[in-house]
Amino acid sequence: MNTDRLRSLLDNVRAGRLAIDDALEQLRHLPFESLGSATIDHHRELRCGFPEVIFCQGKTTRQVAEIFDKLVAAGGNVLATRVHGKHARKICERHEAAEYHKAARCITYRQQAAKSSRGTIAIVSAGTSDEPVAEEARITAEIMDQRTETYYDVGVAGLHRLLAHTSNLQKASVVIVVAGMEGALPSVIGGLVGVPVIAVPTSVGYGASFGGLAPLLTMLNSCASGVCVVNIDNGFGAGYLAALINRLSGRDEGRGE
């Protein structure tokens, strides 16, 4: 349930096009619906601007499918993350319009018309091995109606690759930087741009990277201003945060016109 759908429902009741009992039936599961193993927050979009997202890791195929069905029925856009093959097959069998993004391990289902954002989110990965996390960030931002640009495999081992894109990065409203190994790339970009930089450490690296702990600590200790850090491999969190920042940027630009 989102603001536009709720407004349309109330308008239909006021105009006599919808009976009160029928409207009550549509509102019956607002703000939440219990499925036994899950309690779906149908009020999330009204409060936060986007429906509840399904984190599929650790859930059975049946649980994921049931939750996905309910979110589709609610009428909003649907995003599922950390999807494995069995989840994807089941959901795509039940919903032909569902789109499986294998590299990102995500499924999206768009029901609301896309509204292109004013600003752009730049998504940068240090290496090709970091791309799955970067793609999770991209898919998340795009289902939240954000324009994105990607710059992959431009890490500090070949800094000239990054510097070739400096002017484009400086035009972005927010930059997501995904890096494993030593995790130095966000600090470099933080010194080149005047917008928020969201650093995402990945678990990519050899033994002493400790599954992403080494780049996480590097990013937390960045000397570049304007760098914030999300959890290891959390492309979703970075994409969601970037979308919220970009929305605020768009509102500010609108007020200035």
C-alpha atoms as a PDB file:
ATOM      1  CA  MET A   1       0.000   0.000   0.000  1.00  0.00           C
ATOM      2  CA  ASN A   2       1.457   3.351  -1.049  1.00  0.00           C
ATOM      3  CA  THR A   3       0.198   6.922  -0.843  1.00  0.00           C
ATOM      4  CA  ASP A   4      -1.155   7.019  -4.405  1.00  0.00           C
ATOM      5  CA  ARG A   5      -3.039   3.751  -4.030  1.00  0.00           C
ATOM      6  CA  LEU A   6      -4.515   4.770  -0.678  1.00  0.00           C
ATOM      7  CA  ARG A   7      -5.599   8.151  -2.070  1.00  0.00           C
ATOM      8  CA  SER A   8      -7.250   6.442  -5.050  1.00  0.00           C
ATOM      9  CA  LEU A   9      -9.074   4.049  -2.716  1.00  0.00           C
ATOM     10  CA  LEU A  10     -10.463   6.898  -0.606  1.00  0.00           C
ATOM     11  CA  ASP A  11     -11.448   8.890  -3.697  1.00  0.00           C
ATOM     12  CA  ASN A  12     -13.377   5.900  -5.024  1.00  0.00           C
ATOM     13  CA  VAL A  13     -15.247   5.548  -1.734  1.00  0.00           C
ATOM     14  CA  ARG A  14     -16.091   9.259  -1.675  1.00  0.00           C
ATOM     15  CA  ALA A  15     -17.299   9.165  -5.295  1.00  0.00           C
ATOM     16  CA  GLY A  16     -19.462   6.109  -4.663  1.00  0.00           C
ATOM     17  CA  ARG A  17     -17.481   3.913  -7.062  1.00  0.00           C
ATOM     18  CA  LEU A  18     -16.417   1.584  -4.253  1.00  0.00           C
ATOM     19  CA  ALA A  19     -18.546   0.240  -1.418  1.00  0.00           C
ATOM     20  CA  ILE A  20     -17.304   0.806   2.117  1.00  0.00           C
ATOM     21  CA  ASP A  21     -17.232  -2.945   2.800  1.00  0.00           C
ATOM     22  CA  ASP A  22     -15.095  -3.513  -0.306  1.00  0.00           C
ATOM     23  CA  ALA A  23     -12.710  -0.777   0.818  1.00  0.00           C
ATOM     24  CA  LEU A  24     -12.467  -2.327   4.265  1.00  0.00           C
ATOM     25  CA  GLU A  25     -11.595  -5.679   2.681  1.00  0.00           C
ATOM     26  CA  GLN A  26      -8.720  -4.047   0.782  1.00  0.00           C
ATOM     27  CA  LEU A  27      -7.503  -2.391   3.984  1.00  0.00           C
ATOM     28  CA  ARG A  28      -7.931  -5.504   6.111  1.00  0.00           C
ATOM     29  CA  HIS A  29      -4.225  -6.399   6.014  1.00  0.00           C
ATOM     30  CA  LEU A  30      -2.995  -2.854   6.632  1.00  0.00           C
ATOM     31  CA  PRO A  31      -0.559  -2.397   8.301  1.00  0.00           C
ATOM     32  CA  PHE A  32       0.654  -6.033   8.497  1.00  0.00           C
ATOM     33  CA  GLU A  33      -0.271  -9.588   7.608  1.00  0.00           C
ATOM     34  CA  SER A  34       0.778 -12.749   9.425  1.00  0.00           C
ATOM     35  CA  LEU A  35       1.689 -15.875   7.475  1.00  0.00           C
ATOM     36  CA  GLY A  36       2.791 -17.865  10.500  1.00  0.00           C
ATOM     37  CA  SER A  37       6.481 -18.001   9.639  1.00  0.00           C
ATOM     38  CA  ALA A  38       6.562 -14.359   8.526  1.00  0.00           C
ATOM     39  CA  THR A  39       4.744 -11.134   9.358  1.00  0.00           C
ATOM     40  CA  ILE A  40       4.631  -8.879   6.303  1.00  0.00           C
ATOM     41  CA  ASP A  41       4.820  -5.137   6.880  1.00  0.00           C
ATOM     42  CA  HIS A  42       2.390  -3.732   4.294  1.00  0.00           C
ATOM     43  CA  HIS A  43       2.713  -0.281   5.885  1.00  0.00           C
ATOM     44  CA  ARG A  44       6.443  -0.014   5.091  1.00  0.00           C
ATOM     45  CA  GLU A  45       6.064   1.943   1.848  1.00  0.00           C
ATOM     46  CA  LEU A  46       3.818   4.545   3.473  1.00  0.00           C
ATOM     47  CA  ARG A  47       6.378   5.095   6.254  1.00  0.00           C
ATOM     48  CA  CYS A  48       9.673   4.600   4.436  1.00  0.00           C
ATOM     49  CA  GLY A  49       9.022   5.088   0.739  1.00  0.00           C
ATOM     50  CA  PHE A  50       9.549   1.493  -0.426  1.00  0.00           C
ATOM     51  CA  PRO A  51       7.843  -1.832   0.402  1.00  0.00           C
ATOM     52  CA  GLU A  52       9.413  -4.443   2.648  1.00  0.00           C
ATOM     53  CA  VAL A  53      12.294  -6.263   0.932  1.00  0.00           C
ATOM     54  CA  ILE A  54      12.624 -10.052   1.091  1.00  0.00           C
ATOM     55  CA  PHE A  55      15.976 -11.312   2.402  1.00  0.00           C
ATOM     56  CA  CYS A  56      15.869 -14.869   1.025  1.00  0.00           C
ATOM     57  CA  GLN A  57      18.978 -16.312   2.667  1.00  0.00           C
ATOM     58  CA  GLY A  58      17.956 -18.840   5.285  1.00  0.00           C
ATOM     59  CA  LYS A  59      14.353 -19.017   4.067  1.00  0.00           C
ATOM     60  CA  THR A  60      12.807 -22.048   2.411  1.00  0.00           C
ATOM     61  CA  THR A  61      11.564 -21.843  -1.160  1.00  0.00           C
ATOM     62  CA  ARG A  62       7.975 -22.100   0.089  1.00  0.00           C
ATOM     63  CA  GLN A  63       8.449 -19.251   2.551  1.00  0.00           C
ATOM     64  CA  VAL A  64      10.009 -16.984  -0.071  1.00  0.00           C
ATOM     65  CA  ALA A  65       7.252 -17.757  -2.579  1.00  0.00           C
ATOM     66  CA  GLU A  66       4.476 -17.075  -0.065  1.00  0.00           C
ATOM     67  CA  ILE A  67       5.964 -13.744   0.987  1.00  0.00           C
ATOM     68  CA  PHE A  68       6.575 -12.765  -2.645  1.00  0.00           C
ATOM     69  CA  ASP A  69       2.958 -13.592  -3.538  1.00  0.00           C
ATOM     70  CA  LYS A  70       1.611 -11.357  -0.777  1.00  0.00           C
ATOM     71  CA  LEU A  71       3.847  -8.430  -1.683  1.00  0.00           C
ATOM     72  CA  VAL A  72       2.815  -8.709  -5.338  1.00  0.00           C
ATOM     73  CA  ALA A  73      -0.843  -8.765  -4.314  1.00  0.00           C
ATOM     74  CA  ALA A  74      -0.281  -5.555  -2.323  1.00  0.00           C
ATOM     75  CA  GLY A  75       0.416  -3.745  -5.591  1.00  0.00           C
ATOM     76  CA  GLY A  76       3.882  -2.295  -5.017  1.00  0.00           C
ATOM     77  CA  ASN A  77       7.238  -3.031  -6.580  1.00  0.00           C
ATOM     78  CA  VAL A  78       8.910  -6.114  -5.099  1.00  0.00           C
ATOM     79  CA  LEU A  79      12.576  -6.783  -4.418  1.00  0.00           C
ATOM     80  CA  ALA A  80      14.062 -10.034  -3.144  1.00  0.00           C
ATOM     81  CA  THR A  81      17.768 -10.295  -2.299  1.00  0.00           C
ATOM     82  CA  ARG A  82      20.207 -13.180  -1.675  1.00  0.00           C
ATOM     83  CA  VAL A  83      18.184 -15.383  -4.001  1.00  0.00           C
ATOM     84  CA  HIS A  84      19.419 -18.856  -4.927  1.00  0.00           C
ATOM     85  CA  GLY A  85      18.435 -20.916  -7.945  1.00  0.00           C
ATOM     86  CA  LYS A  86      15.517 -22.786  -6.348  1.00  0.00           C
ATOM     87  CA  HIS A  87      14.010 -19.518  -5.096  1.00  0.00           C
ATOM     88  CA  ALA A  88      14.326 -17.993  -8.570  1.00  0.00           C
ATOM     89  CA  ARG A  89      12.763 -20.936 -10.395  1.00  0.00           C
ATOM     90  CA  LYS A  90       9.776 -21.048  -8.065  1.00  0.00           C
ATOM     91  CA  ILE A  91       9.078 -17.321  -8.181  1.00  0.00           C
ATOM     92  CA  CYS A  92       9.509 -17.030 -11.951  1.00  0.00           C
ATOM     93  CA  GLU A  93       7.131 -19.978 -12.445  1.00  0.00           C
ATOM     94  CA  ARG A  94       4.468 -18.193 -10.386  1.00  0.00           C
ATOM     95  CA  HIS A  95       5.082 -14.675 -11.710  1.00  0.00           C
ATOM     96  CA  GLU A  96       5.987 -14.325 -15.385  1.00  0.00           C
ATOM     97  CA  ALA A  97       6.849 -10.633 -14.967  1.00  0.00           C
ATOM     98  CA  ALA A  98       9.424 -11.354 -12.264  1.00  0.00           C
ATOM     99  CA  GLU A  99      12.997 -10.655 -13.372  1.00  0.00           C
ATOM    100  CA  TYR A 100      15.890 -12.716 -12.014  1.00  0.00           C
ATOM    101  CA  HIS A 101      19.220 -10.888 -11.848  1.00  0.00           C
ATOM    102  CA  LYS A 102      21.584 -13.814 -11.438  1.00  0.00           C
ATOM    103  CA  ALA A 103      24.814 -11.882 -10.870  1.00  0.00           C
ATOM    104  CA  ALA A 104      23.192  -9.726  -8.187  1.00  0.00           C
ATOM    105  CA  ARG A 105      21.275 -12.669  -6.673  1.00  0.00           C
ATOM    106  CA  CYS A 106      18.124 -10.540  -6.792  1.00  0.00           C
ATOM    107  CA  ILE A 107      14.599 -10.778  -8.165  1.00  0.00           C
ATOM    108  CA  THR A 108      12.555  -7.704  -9.024  1.00  0.00           C
ATOM    109  CA  TYR A 109       8.892  -7.365  -9.893  1.00  0.00           C
ATOM    110  CA  ARG A 110       7.839  -3.934 -11.119  1.00  0.00           C
ATOM    111  CA  GLN A 111       4.175  -2.933 -10.856  1.00  0.00           C
ATOM    112  CA  GLN A 112       4.527   0.829 -10.466  1.00  0.00           C
ATOM    113  CA  ALA A 113       5.512   3.016 -13.394  1.00  0.00           C
ATOM    114  CA  ALA A 114       9.157   4.056 -13.202  1.00  0.00           C
ATOM    115  CA  LYS A 115       9.860   7.646 -12.168  1.00  0.00           C
ATOM    116  CA  SER A 116      13.363   8.587 -13.208  1.00  0.00           C
ATOM    117  CA  SER A 117      15.308  10.413 -10.504  1.00  0.00           C
ATOM    118  CA  ARG A 118      16.841  13.854 -11.036  1.00  0.00           C
ATOM    119  CA  GLY A 119      20.277  12.917  -9.789  1.00  0.00           C
ATOM    120  CA  THR A 120      22.455   9.943 -10.649  1.00  0.00           C
ATOM    121  CA  ILE A 121      23.997   7.305  -8.405  1.00  0.00           C
ATOM    122  CA  ALA A 122      27.475   6.282  -9.538  1.00  0.00           C
ATOM    123  CA  ILE A 123      28.427   2.707  -8.643  1.00  0.00           C
ATOM    124  CA  VAL A 124      32.137   1.875  -8.692  1.00  0.00           C
ATOM    125  CA  SER A 125      33.788  -1.496  -8.163  1.00  0.00           C
ATOM    126  CA  ALA A 126      37.478  -2.041  -7.526  1.00  0.00           C
ATOM    127  CA  GLY A 127      37.664  -5.403  -9.271  1.00  0.00           C
ATOM    128  CA  THR A 128      35.586  -7.748 -11.382  1.00  0.00           C
ATOM    129  CA  SER A 129      35.242 -10.065  -8.376  1.00  0.00           C
ATOM    130  CA  ASP A 130      33.428  -7.263  -6.533  1.00  0.00           C
ATOM    131  CA  GLU A 131      30.750  -6.933  -9.218  1.00  0.00           C
ATOM    132  CA  PRO A 132      28.091  -9.197  -7.625  1.00  0.00           C
ATOM    133  CA  VAL A 133      27.911  -6.845  -4.626  1.00  0.00           C
ATOM    134  CA  ALA A 134      27.962  -3.793  -6.909  1.00  0.00           C
ATOM    135  CA  GLU A 135      25.165  -5.305  -8.989  1.00  0.00           C
ATOM    136  CA  GLU A 136      23.070  -5.876  -5.857  1.00  0.00           C
ATOM    137  CA  ALA A 137      23.458  -2.161  -5.129  1.00  0.00           C
ATOM    138  CA  ARG A 138      22.512  -1.241  -8.694  1.00  0.00           C
ATOM    139  CA  ILE A 139      19.410  -3.424  -8.833  1.00  0.00           C
ATOM    140  CA  THR A 140      18.273  -2.075  -5.466  1.00  0.00           C
ATOM    141  CA  ALA A 141      18.699   1.551  -6.535  1.00  0.00           C
ATOM    142  CA  GLU A 142      16.987   1.032  -9.886  1.00  0.00           C
ATOM    143  CA  ILE A 143      13.872  -0.683  -8.489  1.00  0.00           C
ATOM    144  CA  MET A 144      13.672   2.392  -6.225  1.00  0.00           C
ATOM    145  CA  ASP A 145      13.503   4.533  -9.397  1.00  0.00           C
ATOM    146  CA  GLN A 146      17.059   5.852  -9.299  1.00  0.00           C
ATOM    147  CA  ARG A 147      19.242   6.526 -12.317  1.00  0.00           C
ATOM    148  CA  THR A 148      22.578   4.732 -12.064  1.00  0.00           C
ATOM    149  CA  GLU A 149      25.905   4.690 -13.866  1.00  0.00           C
ATOM    150  CA  THR A 150      28.475   1.926 -13.355  1.00  0.00           C
ATOM    151  CA  TYR A 151      32.255   1.990 -13.412  1.00  0.00           C
ATOM    152  CA  TYR A 152      33.612  -1.501 -12.829  1.00  0.00           C
ATOM    153  CA  ASP A 153      37.145  -2.841 -12.372  1.00  0.00           C
ATOM    154  CA  VAL A 154      38.809   0.544 -11.743  1.00  0.00           C
ATOM    155  CA  GLY A 155      40.697  -0.222  -8.515  1.00  0.00           C
ATOM    156  CA  VAL A 156      43.829   1.366  -7.131  1.00  0.00           C
ATOM    157  CA  ALA A 157      46.158  -1.199  -8.742  1.00  0.00           C
ATOM    158  CA  GLY A 158      45.584   0.733 -11.983  1.00  0.00           C
ATOM    159  CA  LEU A 159      44.551   4.184 -10.799  1.00  0.00           C
ATOM    160  CA  HIS A 160      44.541   5.667 -14.314  1.00  0.00           C
ATOM    161  CA  ARG A 161      41.414   3.587 -15.017  1.00  0.00           C
ATOM    162  CA  LEU A 162      39.556   5.460 -12.278  1.00  0.00           C
ATOM    163  CA  LEU A 163      40.911   8.912 -13.115  1.00  0.00           C
ATOM    164  CA  ALA A 164      39.562   8.588 -16.645  1.00  0.00           C
ATOM    165  CA  HIS A 165      36.059   8.802 -15.117  1.00  0.00           C
ATOM    166  CA  THR A 166      36.680  11.635 -12.637  1.00  0.00           C
ATOM    167  CA  SER A 167      34.483  14.199 -14.378  1.00  0.00           C
ATOM    168  CA  ASN A 168      31.530  11.801 -14.522  1.00  0.00           C
ATOM    169  CA  LEU A 169      31.915  10.822 -10.879  1.00  0.00           C
ATOM    170  CA  GLN A 170      31.929  14.489  -9.889  1.00  0.00           C
ATOM    171  CA  LYS A 171      28.529  14.938 -11.564  1.00  0.00           C
ATOM    172  CA  ALA A 172      26.876  12.193  -9.501  1.00  0.00           C
ATOM    173  CA  SER A 173      24.644  12.957  -6.515  1.00  0.00           C
ATOM    174  CA  VAL A 174      26.073  10.061  -4.512  1.00  0.00           C
ATOM    175  CA  VAL A 175      28.772   7.450  -5.162  1.00  0.00           C
ATOM    176  CA  ILE A 176      28.774   3.806  -4.052  1.00  0.00           C
ATOM    177  CA  VAL A 177      32.260   2.287  -3.931  1.00  0.00           C
ATOM    178  CA  VAL A 178      32.623  -1.492  -3.662  1.00  0.00           C
ATOM    179  CA  ALA A 179      36.039  -2.948  -2.852  1.00  0.00           C
ATOM    180  CA  GLY A 180      37.676  -5.972  -1.288  1.00  0.00           C
ATOM    181  CA  MET A 181      41.374  -6.701  -0.694  1.00  0.00           C
ATOM    182  CA  GLU A 182      42.772  -3.717   1.266  1.00  0.00           C
ATOM    183  CA  GLY A 183      39.702  -1.561   0.530  1.00  0.00           C
ATOM    184  CA  ALA A 184      41.520   1.675  -0.351  1.00  0.00           C
ATOM    185  CA  LEU A 185      39.301   2.805  -3.236  1.00  0.00           C
ATOM    186  CA  PRO A 186      36.609   4.707  -1.245  1.00  0.00           C
ATOM    187  CA  SER A 187      39.251   6.981   0.299  1.00  0.00           C
ATOM    188  CA  VAL A 188      40.628   7.794  -3.141  1.00  0.00           C
ATOM    189  CA  ILE A 189      37.191   8.639  -4.523  1.00  0.00           C
ATOM    190  CA  GLY A 190      36.311  10.539  -1.345  1.00  0.00           C
ATOM    191  CA  GLY A 191      39.172  12.887  -2.181  1.00  0.00           C
ATOM    192  CA  LEU A 192      37.872  13.478  -5.722  1.00  0.00           C
ATOM    193  CA  VAL A 193      34.157  14.200  -5.261  1.00  0.00           C
ATOM    194  CA  GLY A 194      32.047  16.571  -3.212  1.00  0.00           C
ATOM    195  CA  VAL A 195      29.107  14.236  -2.603  1.00  0.00           C
ATOM    196  CA  PRO A 196      28.435  11.394  -0.131  1.00  0.00           C
ATOM    197  CA  VAL A 197      30.510   8.263  -0.711  1.00  0.00           C
ATOM    198  CA  ILE A 198      29.040   4.969   0.495  1.00  0.00           C
ATOM    199  CA  ALA A 199      31.798   2.408   0.980  1.00  0.00           C
ATOM    200  CA  VAL A 200      31.009  -1.296   0.710  1.00  0.00           C
ATOM    201  CA  PRO A 201      33.707  -3.752   1.848  1.00  0.00           C
ATOM    202  CA  THR A 202      33.539  -7.156   0.204  1.00  0.00           C
ATOM    203  CA  SER A 203      34.759 -10.554   1.313  1.00  0.00           C
ATOM    204  CA  VAL A 204      36.988 -10.773  -1.772  1.00  0.00           C
ATOM    205  CA  GLY A 205      40.667 -11.264  -0.943  1.00  0.00           C
ATOM    206  CA  TYR A 206      43.340 -13.612   0.368  1.00  0.00           C
ATOM    207  CA  GLY A 207      43.682 -14.935   3.912  1.00  0.00           C
ATOM    208  CA  ALA A 208      44.677 -11.745   5.723  1.00  0.00           C
ATOM    209  CA  SER A 209      41.629  -9.917   4.388  1.00  0.00           C
ATOM    210  CA  PHE A 210      39.721 -12.021   6.972  1.00  0.00           C
ATOM    211  CA  GLY A 211      36.577 -12.361   4.863  1.00  0.00           C
ATOM    212  CA  GLY A 212      36.184  -8.607   4.399  1.00  0.00           C
ATOM    213  CA  LEU A 213      37.263  -7.440   7.846  1.00  0.00           C
ATOM    214  CA  ALA A 214      40.457  -5.837   6.520  1.00  0.00           C
ATOM    215  CA  PRO A 215      38.705  -3.598   3.948  1.00  0.00           C
ATOM    216  CA  LEU A 216      35.970  -2.829   6.486  1.00  0.00           C
ATOM    217  CA  LEU A 217      38.536  -1.476   8.962  1.00  0.00           C
ATOM    218  CA  THR A 218      40.334   0.444   6.198  1.00  0.00           C
ATOM    219  CA  MET A 219      37.080   2.121   5.172  1.00  0.00           C
ATOM    220  CA  LEU A 220      36.074   2.921   8.749  1.00  0.00           C
ATOM    221  CA  ASN A 221      39.459   4.591   9.201  1.00  0.00           C
ATOM    222  CA  SER A 222      39.280   6.595   5.973  1.00  0.00           C
ATOM    223  CA  CYS A 223      40.897  10.029   6.163  1.00  0.00           C
ATOM    224  CA  ALA A 224      38.618  11.288   3.354  1.00  0.00           C
ATOM    225  CA  SER A 225      35.644  13.333   4.516  1.00  0.00           C
ATOM    226  CA  GLY A 226      32.158  12.285   3.460  1.00  0.00           C
ATOM    227  CA  VAL A 227      32.750   8.521   3.473  1.00  0.00           C
ATOM    228  CA  CYS A 228      30.254   6.290   5.284  1.00  0.00           C
ATOM    229  CA  VAL A 229      30.480   2.503   5.472  1.00  0.00           C
ATOM    230  CA  VAL A 230      27.947  -0.327   5.332  1.00  0.00           C
ATOM    231  CA  ASN A 231      28.458  -3.949   6.302  1.00  0.00           C
ATOM    232  CA  ILE A 232      30.574  -6.495   4.433  1.00  0.00           C
ATOM    233  CA  ASP A 233      29.007  -7.522   1.083  1.00  0.00           C
ATOM    234  CA  ASN A 234      25.942  -5.372   1.809  1.00  0.00           C
ATOM    235  CA  GLY A 235      25.244  -4.058  -1.672  1.00  0.00           C
ATOM    236  CA  PHE A 236      21.539  -3.845  -0.840  1.00  0.00           C
ATOM    237  CA  GLY A 237      22.146  -1.530   2.109  1.00  0.00           C
ATOM    238  CA  ALA A 238      24.351   0.722  -0.001  1.00  0.00           C
ATOM    239  CA  GLY A 239      21.843   0.892  -2.847  1.00  0.00           C
ATOM    240  CA  TYR A 240      18.950   1.641  -0.501  1.00  0.00           C
ATOM    241  CA  LEU A 241      20.859   4.363   1.361  1.00  0.00           C
ATOM    242  CA  ALA A 242      22.021   5.925  -1.910  1.00  0.00           C
ATOM    243  CA  ALA A 243      18.427   5.998  -3.163  1.00  0.00           C
ATOM    244  CA  LEU A 244      17.263   7.836  -0.035  1.00  0.00           C
ATOM    245  CA  ILE A 245      20.088  10.385  -0.386  1.00  0.00           C
ATOM    246  CA  ASN A 246      19.324  10.895  -4.071  1.00  0.00           C
ATOM    247  CA  ARG A 247      15.627  11.432  -3.337  1.00  0.00           C
ATOM    248  CA  LEU A 248      16.496  14.174  -0.864  1.00  0.00           C
ATOM    249  CA  SER A 249      18.833  15.720  -3.420  1.00  0.00           C
ATOM    250  CA  GLY A 250      15.985  15.799  -5.939  1.00  0.00           C
ATOM    251  CA  ARG A 251      13.659  17.492  -3.453  1.00  0.00           C
ATOM    252  CA  ASP A 252      16.229  20.168  -2.685  1.00  0.00           C
ATOM    253  CA  GLU A 253      16.744  20.871  -6.385  1.00  0.00           C
ATOM    254  CA  GLY A 254      12.985  21.150  -6.849  1.00  0.00           C
ATOM    255  CA  ARG A 255      12.697  23.709  -4.063  1.00  0.00           C
ATOM    256  CA  GLY A 256      15.411  25.795  -5.689  1.00  0.00           C
ATOM    257  CA  GLU A 257      13.568  26.140  -9.008  1.00  0.00           C
END
